[in-house]
Amino acid sequence: MSLSCTIELDYASPEEANIVLEAIAPDNKPYVEAQIEGSTLIVTSSADTPMEMLHTMEDLLSCIKIAEATFNLVR
């Protein structure tokens, strides 16, 4: 079985989306691919089992939350 998940996150600007992308980039490979379209960060992941997907998404969303919080602090 193979699973895939795509999350689209809309930001106020392409620069903000890029800041979040750069913050999560070190943890992405090989589990997650990410790209920016305009001010939207599009994150895609695949996994062999539901639990692998759950762990990947939990980790990814936690990293995104920290990146967003940090960005909001320094704004």
PDB file of N, CA and C in Angstrom:
ATOM      1  N   MET A   1       0.846  -1.165   0.000  1.00  0.00           N
ATOM      2  CA  MET A   1       0.000   0.000   0.000  1.00  0.00           C
ATOM      3  C   MET A   1       0.893   1.230   0.000  1.00  0.00           C
ATOM      4  N   SER A   2       0.505   2.203  -0.778  1.00  0.00           N
ATOM      5  CA  SER A   2       1.233   3.467  -0.802  1.00  0.00           C
ATOM      6  C   SER A   2       0.236   4.603  -0.590  1.00  0.00           C
ATOM      7  N   LEU A   3       0.604   5.527   0.270  1.00  0.00           N
ATOM      8  CA  LEU A   3      -0.254   6.666   0.594  1.00  0.00           C
ATOM      9  C   LEU A   3       0.428   7.946   0.171  1.00  0.00           C
ATOM     10  N   SER A   4      -0.372   8.939  -0.170  1.00  0.00           N
ATOM     11  CA  SER A   4       0.192  10.260  -0.435  1.00  0.00           C
ATOM     12  C   SER A   4      -0.695  11.311   0.213  1.00  0.00           C
ATOM     13  N   CYS A   5      -0.077  12.427   0.546  1.00  0.00           N
ATOM     14  CA  CYS A   5      -0.783  13.513   1.216  1.00  0.00           C
ATOM     15  C   CYS A   5      -0.229  14.828   0.682  1.00  0.00           C
ATOM     16  N   THR A   6      -1.124  15.753   0.370  1.00  0.00           N
ATOM     17  CA  THR A   6      -0.716  17.081  -0.067  1.00  0.00           C
ATOM     18  C   THR A   6      -1.372  18.110   0.841  1.00  0.00           C
ATOM     19  N   ILE A   7      -0.563  19.040   1.313  1.00  0.00           N
ATOM     20  CA  ILE A   7      -1.045  20.132   2.158  1.00  0.00           C
ATOM     21  C   ILE A   7      -0.682  21.436   1.473  1.00  0.00           C
ATOM     22  N   GLU A   8      -1.650  22.323   1.360  1.00  0.00           N
ATOM     23  CA  GLU A   8      -1.406  23.639   0.793  1.00  0.00           C
ATOM     24  C   GLU A   8      -1.593  24.677   1.887  1.00  0.00           C
ATOM     25  N   LEU A   9      -0.564  25.490   2.093  1.00  0.00           N
ATOM     26  CA  LEU A   9      -0.577  26.514   3.132  1.00  0.00           C
ATOM     27  C   LEU A   9      -0.452  27.883   2.475  1.00  0.00           C
ATOM     28  N   ASP A  10      -1.458  28.729   2.672  1.00  0.00           N
ATOM     29  CA  ASP A  10      -1.460  30.063   2.093  1.00  0.00           C
ATOM     30  C   ASP A  10      -0.864  31.065   3.069  1.00  0.00           C
ATOM     31  N   TYR A  11       0.052  31.894   2.550  1.00  0.00           N
ATOM     32  CA  TYR A  11       0.705  32.915   3.360  1.00  0.00           C
ATOM     33  C   TYR A  11       0.417  34.297   2.786  1.00  0.00           C
ATOM     34  N   ALA A  12       0.768  35.304   3.548  1.00  0.00           N
ATOM     35  CA  ALA A  12       0.496  36.686   3.150  1.00  0.00           C
ATOM     36  C   ALA A  12       1.328  37.111   1.942  1.00  0.00           C
ATOM     37  N   SER A  13       2.484  36.480   1.759  1.00  0.00           N
ATOM     38  CA  SER A  13       3.369  36.861   0.656  1.00  0.00           C
ATOM     39  C   SER A  13       4.234  35.670   0.248  1.00  0.00           C
ATOM     40  N   PRO A  14       4.775  35.721  -0.968  1.00  0.00           N
ATOM     41  CA  PRO A  14       5.718  34.673  -1.385  1.00  0.00           C
ATOM     42  C   PRO A  14       6.947  34.620  -0.484  1.00  0.00           C
ATOM     43  N   GLU A  15       7.360  35.778   0.035  1.00  0.00           N
ATOM     44  CA  GLU A  15       8.532  35.818   0.914  1.00  0.00           C
ATOM     45  C   GLU A  15       8.277  35.025   2.199  1.00  0.00           C
ATOM     46  N   GLU A  16       7.076  35.187   2.768  1.00  0.00           N
ATOM     47  CA  GLU A  16       6.734  34.440   3.983  1.00  0.00           C
ATOM     48  C   GLU A  16       6.685  32.943   3.698  1.00  0.00           C
ATOM     49  N   ALA A  17       6.106  32.563   2.577  1.00  0.00           N
ATOM     50  CA  ALA A  17       6.064  31.143   2.196  1.00  0.00           C
ATOM     51  C   ALA A  17       7.476  30.596   2.039  1.00  0.00           C
ATOM     52  N   ASN A  18       8.370  31.392   1.450  1.00  0.00           N
ATOM     53  CA  ASN A  18       9.754  30.961   1.250  1.00  0.00           C
ATOM     54  C   ASN A  18      10.500  30.810   2.567  1.00  0.00           C
ATOM     55  N   ILE A  19      10.234  31.694   3.523  1.00  0.00           N
ATOM     56  CA  ILE A  19      10.867  31.588   4.839  1.00  0.00           C
ATOM     57  C   ILE A  19      10.493  30.270   5.506  1.00  0.00           C
ATOM     58  N   VAL A  20       9.212  29.907   5.439  1.00  0.00           N
ATOM     59  CA  VAL A  20       8.764  28.638   6.035  1.00  0.00           C
ATOM     60  C   VAL A  20       9.378  27.464   5.284  1.00  0.00           C
ATOM     61  N   LEU A  21       9.406  27.532   3.964  1.00  0.00           N
ATOM     62  CA  LEU A  21      10.014  26.469   3.163  1.00  0.00           C
ATOM     63  C   LEU A  21      11.471  26.261   3.543  1.00  0.00           C
ATOM     64  N   GLU A  22      12.228  27.342   3.657  1.00  0.00           N
ATOM     65  CA  GLU A  22      13.632  27.226   4.024  1.00  0.00           C
ATOM     66  C   GLU A  22      13.809  26.672   5.436  1.00  0.00           C
ATOM     67  N   ALA A  23      12.887  27.000   6.326  1.00  0.00           N
ATOM     68  CA  ALA A  23      12.983  26.509   7.705  1.00  0.00           C
ATOM     69  C   ALA A  23      12.745  25.010   7.795  1.00  0.00           C
ATOM     70  N   ILE A  24      11.869  24.475   6.942  1.00  0.00           N
ATOM     71  CA  ILE A  24      11.560  23.037   7.019  1.00  0.00           C
ATOM     72  C   ILE A  24      12.406  22.202   6.063  1.00  0.00           C
ATOM     73  N   ALA A  25      13.127  22.838   5.153  1.00  0.00           N
ATOM     74  CA  ALA A  25      13.880  22.115   4.126  1.00  0.00           C
ATOM     75  C   ALA A  25      14.865  21.075   4.664  1.00  0.00           C
ATOM     76  N   PRO A  26      15.618  21.343   5.723  1.00  0.00           N
ATOM     77  CA  PRO A  26      16.573  20.329   6.185  1.00  0.00           C
ATOM     78  C   PRO A  26      15.924  19.010   6.610  1.00  0.00           C
ATOM     79  N   ASP A  27      14.676  19.050   7.041  1.00  0.00           N
ATOM     80  CA  ASP A  27      14.008  17.836   7.500  1.00  0.00           C
ATOM     81  C   ASP A  27      13.214  17.131   6.404  1.00  0.00           C
ATOM     82  N   ASN A  28      13.116  17.715   5.232  1.00  0.00           N
ATOM     83  CA  ASN A  28      12.226  17.194   4.196  1.00  0.00           C
ATOM     84  C   ASN A  28      12.684  15.896   3.558  1.00  0.00           C
ATOM     85  N   LYS A  29      13.880  15.878   3.048  1.00  0.00           N
ATOM     86  CA  LYS A  29      14.337  14.744   2.238  1.00  0.00           C
ATOM     87  C   LYS A  29      14.486  13.496   3.085  1.00  0.00           C
ATOM     88  N   PRO A  30      14.145  12.360   2.647  1.00  0.00           N
ATOM     89  CA  PRO A  30      13.477  12.006   1.392  1.00  0.00           C
ATOM     90  C   PRO A  30      11.958  11.869   1.555  1.00  0.00           C
ATOM     91  N   TYR A  31      11.424  12.317   2.676  1.00  0.00           N
ATOM     92  CA  TYR A  31      10.028  12.039   2.998  1.00  0.00           C
ATOM     93  C   TYR A  31       9.036  13.043   2.422  1.00  0.00           C
ATOM     94  N   VAL A  32       9.475  14.270   2.200  1.00  0.00           N
ATOM     95  CA  VAL A  32       8.565  15.347   1.830  1.00  0.00           C
ATOM     96  C   VAL A  32       9.157  16.161   0.685  1.00  0.00           C
ATOM     97  N   GLU A  33       8.309  16.534  -0.246  1.00  0.00           N
ATOM     98  CA  GLU A  33       8.700  17.465  -1.294  1.00  0.00           C
ATOM     99  C   GLU A  33       7.864  18.713  -1.114  1.00  0.00           C
ATOM    100  N   ALA A  34       8.474  19.869  -1.325  1.00  0.00           N
ATOM    101  CA  ALA A  34       7.751  21.127  -1.130  1.00  0.00           C
ATOM    102  C   ALA A  34       8.109  22.094  -2.243  1.00  0.00           C
ATOM    103  N   GLN A  35       7.131  22.918  -2.587  1.00  0.00           N
ATOM    104  CA  GLN A  35       7.346  23.947  -3.594  1.00  0.00           C
ATOM    105  C   GLN A  35       6.440  25.129  -3.289  1.00  0.00           C
ATOM    106  N   ILE A  36       6.766  26.260  -3.895  1.00  0.00           N
ATOM    107  CA  ILE A  36       5.973  27.467  -3.697  1.00  0.00           C
ATOM    108  C   ILE A  36       5.339  27.859  -5.020  1.00  0.00           C
ATOM    109  N   GLU A  37       4.057  28.163  -4.952  1.00  0.00           N
ATOM    110  CA  GLU A  37       3.337  28.724  -6.095  1.00  0.00           C
ATOM    111  C   GLU A  37       2.686  30.010  -5.608  1.00  0.00           C
ATOM    112  N   GLY A  38       3.241  31.131  -6.029  1.00  0.00           N
ATOM    113  CA  GLY A  38       2.762  32.418  -5.534  1.00  0.00           C
ATOM    114  C   GLY A  38       3.082  32.536  -4.055  1.00  0.00           C
ATOM    115  N   SER A  39       2.052  32.706  -3.236  1.00  0.00           N
ATOM    116  CA  SER A  39       2.257  32.770  -1.785  1.00  0.00           C
ATOM    117  C   SER A  39       1.761  31.502  -1.097  1.00  0.00           C
ATOM    118  N   THR A  40       1.634  30.423  -1.859  1.00  0.00           N
ATOM    119  CA  THR A  40       1.175  29.141  -1.322  1.00  0.00           C
ATOM    120  C   THR A  40       2.326  28.152  -1.259  1.00  0.00           C
ATOM    121  N   LEU A  41       2.519  27.568  -0.091  1.00  0.00           N
ATOM    122  CA  LEU A  41       3.500  26.505   0.099  1.00  0.00           C
ATOM    123  C   LEU A  41       2.765  25.188  -0.083  1.00  0.00           C
ATOM    124  N   ILE A  42       3.212  24.374  -1.028  1.00  0.00           N
ATOM    125  CA  ILE A  42       2.584  23.084  -1.311  1.00  0.00           C
ATOM    126  C   ILE A  42       3.545  21.990  -0.879  1.00  0.00           C
ATOM    127  N   VAL A  43       3.083  21.166   0.043  1.00  0.00           N
ATOM    128  CA  VAL A  43       3.900  20.105   0.612  1.00  0.00           C
ATOM    129  C   VAL A  43       3.259  18.764   0.275  1.00  0.00           C
ATOM    130  N   THR A  44       4.049  17.858  -0.303  1.00  0.00           N
ATOM    131  CA  THR A  44       3.558  16.535  -0.675  1.00  0.00           C
ATOM    132  C   THR A  44       4.435  15.478  -0.029  1.00  0.00           C
ATOM    133  N   SER A  45       3.789  14.458   0.490  1.00  0.00           N
ATOM    134  CA  SER A  45       4.518  13.368   1.130  1.00  0.00           C
ATOM    135  C   SER A  45       3.929  12.036   0.688  1.00  0.00           C
ATOM    136  N   SER A  46       4.747  11.006   0.729  1.00  0.00           N
ATOM    137  CA  SER A  46       4.259   9.652   0.471  1.00  0.00           C
ATOM    138  C   SER A  46       4.837   8.719   1.521  1.00  0.00           C
ATOM    139  N   ALA A  47       4.104   7.659   1.790  1.00  0.00           N
ATOM    140  CA  ALA A  47       4.527   6.688   2.802  1.00  0.00           C
ATOM    141  C   ALA A  47       3.958   5.320   2.444  1.00  0.00           C
ATOM    142  N   ASP A  48       4.569   4.303   3.021  1.00  0.00           N
ATOM    143  CA  ASP A  48       4.113   2.937   2.766  1.00  0.00           C
ATOM    144  C   ASP A  48       2.975   2.509   3.680  1.00  0.00           C
ATOM    145  N   THR A  49       2.898   3.120   4.866  1.00  0.00           N
ATOM    146  CA  THR A  49       1.858   2.722   5.815  1.00  0.00           C
ATOM    147  C   THR A  49       1.182   3.963   6.394  1.00  0.00           C
ATOM    148  N   PRO A  50      -0.036   3.805   6.902  1.00  0.00           N
ATOM    149  CA  PRO A  50      -0.711   4.946   7.534  1.00  0.00           C
ATOM    150  C   PRO A  50       0.076   5.524   8.714  1.00  0.00           C
ATOM    151  N   MET A  51       0.719   4.680   9.496  1.00  0.00           N
ATOM    152  CA  MET A  51       1.479   5.173  10.649  1.00  0.00           C
ATOM    153  C   MET A  51       2.697   5.977  10.213  1.00  0.00           C
ATOM    154  N   GLU A  52       3.362   5.556   9.142  1.00  0.00           N
ATOM    155  CA  GLU A  52       4.483   6.335   8.619  1.00  0.00           C
ATOM    156  C   GLU A  52       4.000   7.715   8.186  1.00  0.00           C
ATOM    157  N   MET A  53       2.845   7.758   7.519  1.00  0.00           N
ATOM    158  CA  MET A  53       2.297   9.036   7.074  1.00  0.00           C
ATOM    159  C   MET A  53       1.934   9.909   8.269  1.00  0.00           C
ATOM    160  N   LEU A  54       1.325   9.319   9.261  1.00  0.00           N
ATOM    161  CA  LEU A  54       0.954  10.067  10.460  1.00  0.00           C
ATOM    162  C   LEU A  54       2.183  10.679  11.118  1.00  0.00           C
ATOM    163  N   HIS A  55       3.236   9.899  11.296  1.00  0.00           N
ATOM    164  CA  HIS A  55       4.453  10.408  11.933  1.00  0.00           C
ATOM    165  C   HIS A  55       5.112  11.504  11.090  1.00  0.00           C
ATOM    166  N   THR A  56       5.141  11.304   9.789  1.00  0.00           N
ATOM    167  CA  THR A  56       5.732  12.310   8.902  1.00  0.00           C
ATOM    168  C   THR A  56       4.947  13.613   8.973  1.00  0.00           C
ATOM    169  N   MET A  57       3.625  13.532   8.893  1.00  0.00           N
ATOM    170  CA  MET A  57       2.794  14.736   8.916  1.00  0.00           C
ATOM    171  C   MET A  57       2.836  15.429  10.278  1.00  0.00           C
ATOM    172  N   GLU A  58       2.845  14.662  11.350  1.00  0.00           N
ATOM    173  CA  GLU A  58       2.958  15.268  12.686  1.00  0.00           C
ATOM    174  C   GLU A  58       4.264  16.039  12.813  1.00  0.00           C
ATOM    175  N   ASP A  59       5.352  15.444  12.383  1.00  0.00           N
ATOM    176  CA  ASP A  59       6.654  16.088  12.457  1.00  0.00           C
ATOM    177  C   ASP A  59       6.688  17.331  11.570  1.00  0.00           C
ATOM    178  N   LEU A  60       6.194  17.196  10.347  1.00  0.00           N
ATOM    179  CA  LEU A  60       6.192  18.307   9.413  1.00  0.00           C
ATOM    180  C   LEU A  60       5.365  19.479   9.938  1.00  0.00           C
ATOM    181  N   LEU A  61       4.145  19.207  10.390  1.00  0.00           N
ATOM    182  CA  LEU A  61       3.279  20.277  10.873  1.00  0.00           C
ATOM    183  C   LEU A  61       3.840  20.935  12.130  1.00  0.00           C
ATOM    184  N   SER A  62       4.514  20.164  12.960  1.00  0.00           N
ATOM    185  CA  SER A  62       5.161  20.738  14.137  1.00  0.00           C
ATOM    186  C   SER A  62       6.273  21.699  13.719  1.00  0.00           C
ATOM    187  N   CYS A  63       7.068  21.308  12.742  1.00  0.00           N
ATOM    188  CA  CYS A  63       8.143  22.173  12.251  1.00  0.00           C
ATOM    189  C   CYS A  63       7.577  23.429  11.599  1.00  0.00           C
ATOM    190  N   ILE A  64       6.494  23.293  10.858  1.00  0.00           N
ATOM    191  CA  ILE A  64       5.857  24.446  10.222  1.00  0.00           C
ATOM    192  C   ILE A  64       5.322  25.400  11.280  1.00  0.00           C
ATOM    193  N   LYS A  65       4.705  24.856  12.312  1.00  0.00           N
ATOM    194  CA  LYS A  65       4.156  25.696  13.387  1.00  0.00           C
ATOM    195  C   LYS A  65       5.261  26.519  14.053  1.00  0.00           C
ATOM    196  N   ILE A  66       6.405  25.892  14.308  1.00  0.00           N
ATOM    197  CA  ILE A  66       7.530  26.602  14.926  1.00  0.00           C
ATOM    198  C   ILE A  66       8.074  27.667  13.981  1.00  0.00           C
ATOM    199  N   ALA A  67       8.184  27.354  12.706  1.00  0.00           N
ATOM    200  CA  ALA A  67       8.670  28.330  11.726  1.00  0.00           C
ATOM    201  C   ALA A  67       7.726  29.520  11.645  1.00  0.00           C
ATOM    202  N   GLU A  68       6.423  29.276  11.638  1.00  0.00           N
ATOM    203  CA  GLU A  68       5.443  30.359  11.584  1.00  0.00           C
ATOM    204  C   GLU A  68       5.493  31.208  12.856  1.00  0.00           C
ATOM    205  N   ALA A  69       5.599  30.565  13.988  1.00  0.00           N
ATOM    206  CA  ALA A  69       5.653  31.298  15.256  1.00  0.00           C
ATOM    207  C   ALA A  69       6.905  32.174  15.310  1.00  0.00           C
ATOM    208  N   THR A  70       8.019  31.643  14.862  1.00  0.00           N
ATOM    209  CA  THR A  70       9.259  32.408  14.852  1.00  0.00           C
ATOM    210  C   THR A  70       9.145  33.597  13.901  1.00  0.00           C
ATOM    211  N   PHE A  71       8.574  33.350  12.731  1.00  0.00           N
ATOM    212  CA  PHE A  71       8.387  34.437  11.773  1.00  0.00           C
ATOM    213  C   PHE A  71       7.508  35.531  12.366  1.00  0.00           C
ATOM    214  N   ASN A  72       6.439  35.156  13.039  1.00  0.00           N
ATOM    215  CA  ASN A  72       5.541  36.136  13.644  1.00  0.00           C
ATOM    216  C   ASN A  72       6.196  36.922  14.771  1.00  0.00           C
ATOM    217  N   LEU A  73       7.139  36.315  15.479  1.00  0.00           N
ATOM    218  CA  LEU A  73       7.853  37.017  16.545  1.00  0.00           C
ATOM    219  C   LEU A  73       8.779  38.101  16.030  1.00  0.00           C
ATOM    220  N   VAL A  74       9.419  37.836  14.919  1.00  0.00           N
ATOM    221  CA  VAL A  74      10.420  38.775  14.398  1.00  0.00           C
ATOM    222  C   VAL A  74       9.837  39.772  13.411  1.00  0.00           C
ATOM    223  N   ARG A  75       8.605  39.657  13.122  1.00  0.00           N
ATOM    224  CA  ARG A  75       7.946  40.558  12.184  1.00  0.00           C
ATOM    225  C   ARG A  75       7.928  41.955  12.644  1.00  0.00           C
TER     226      ARG A  75
END
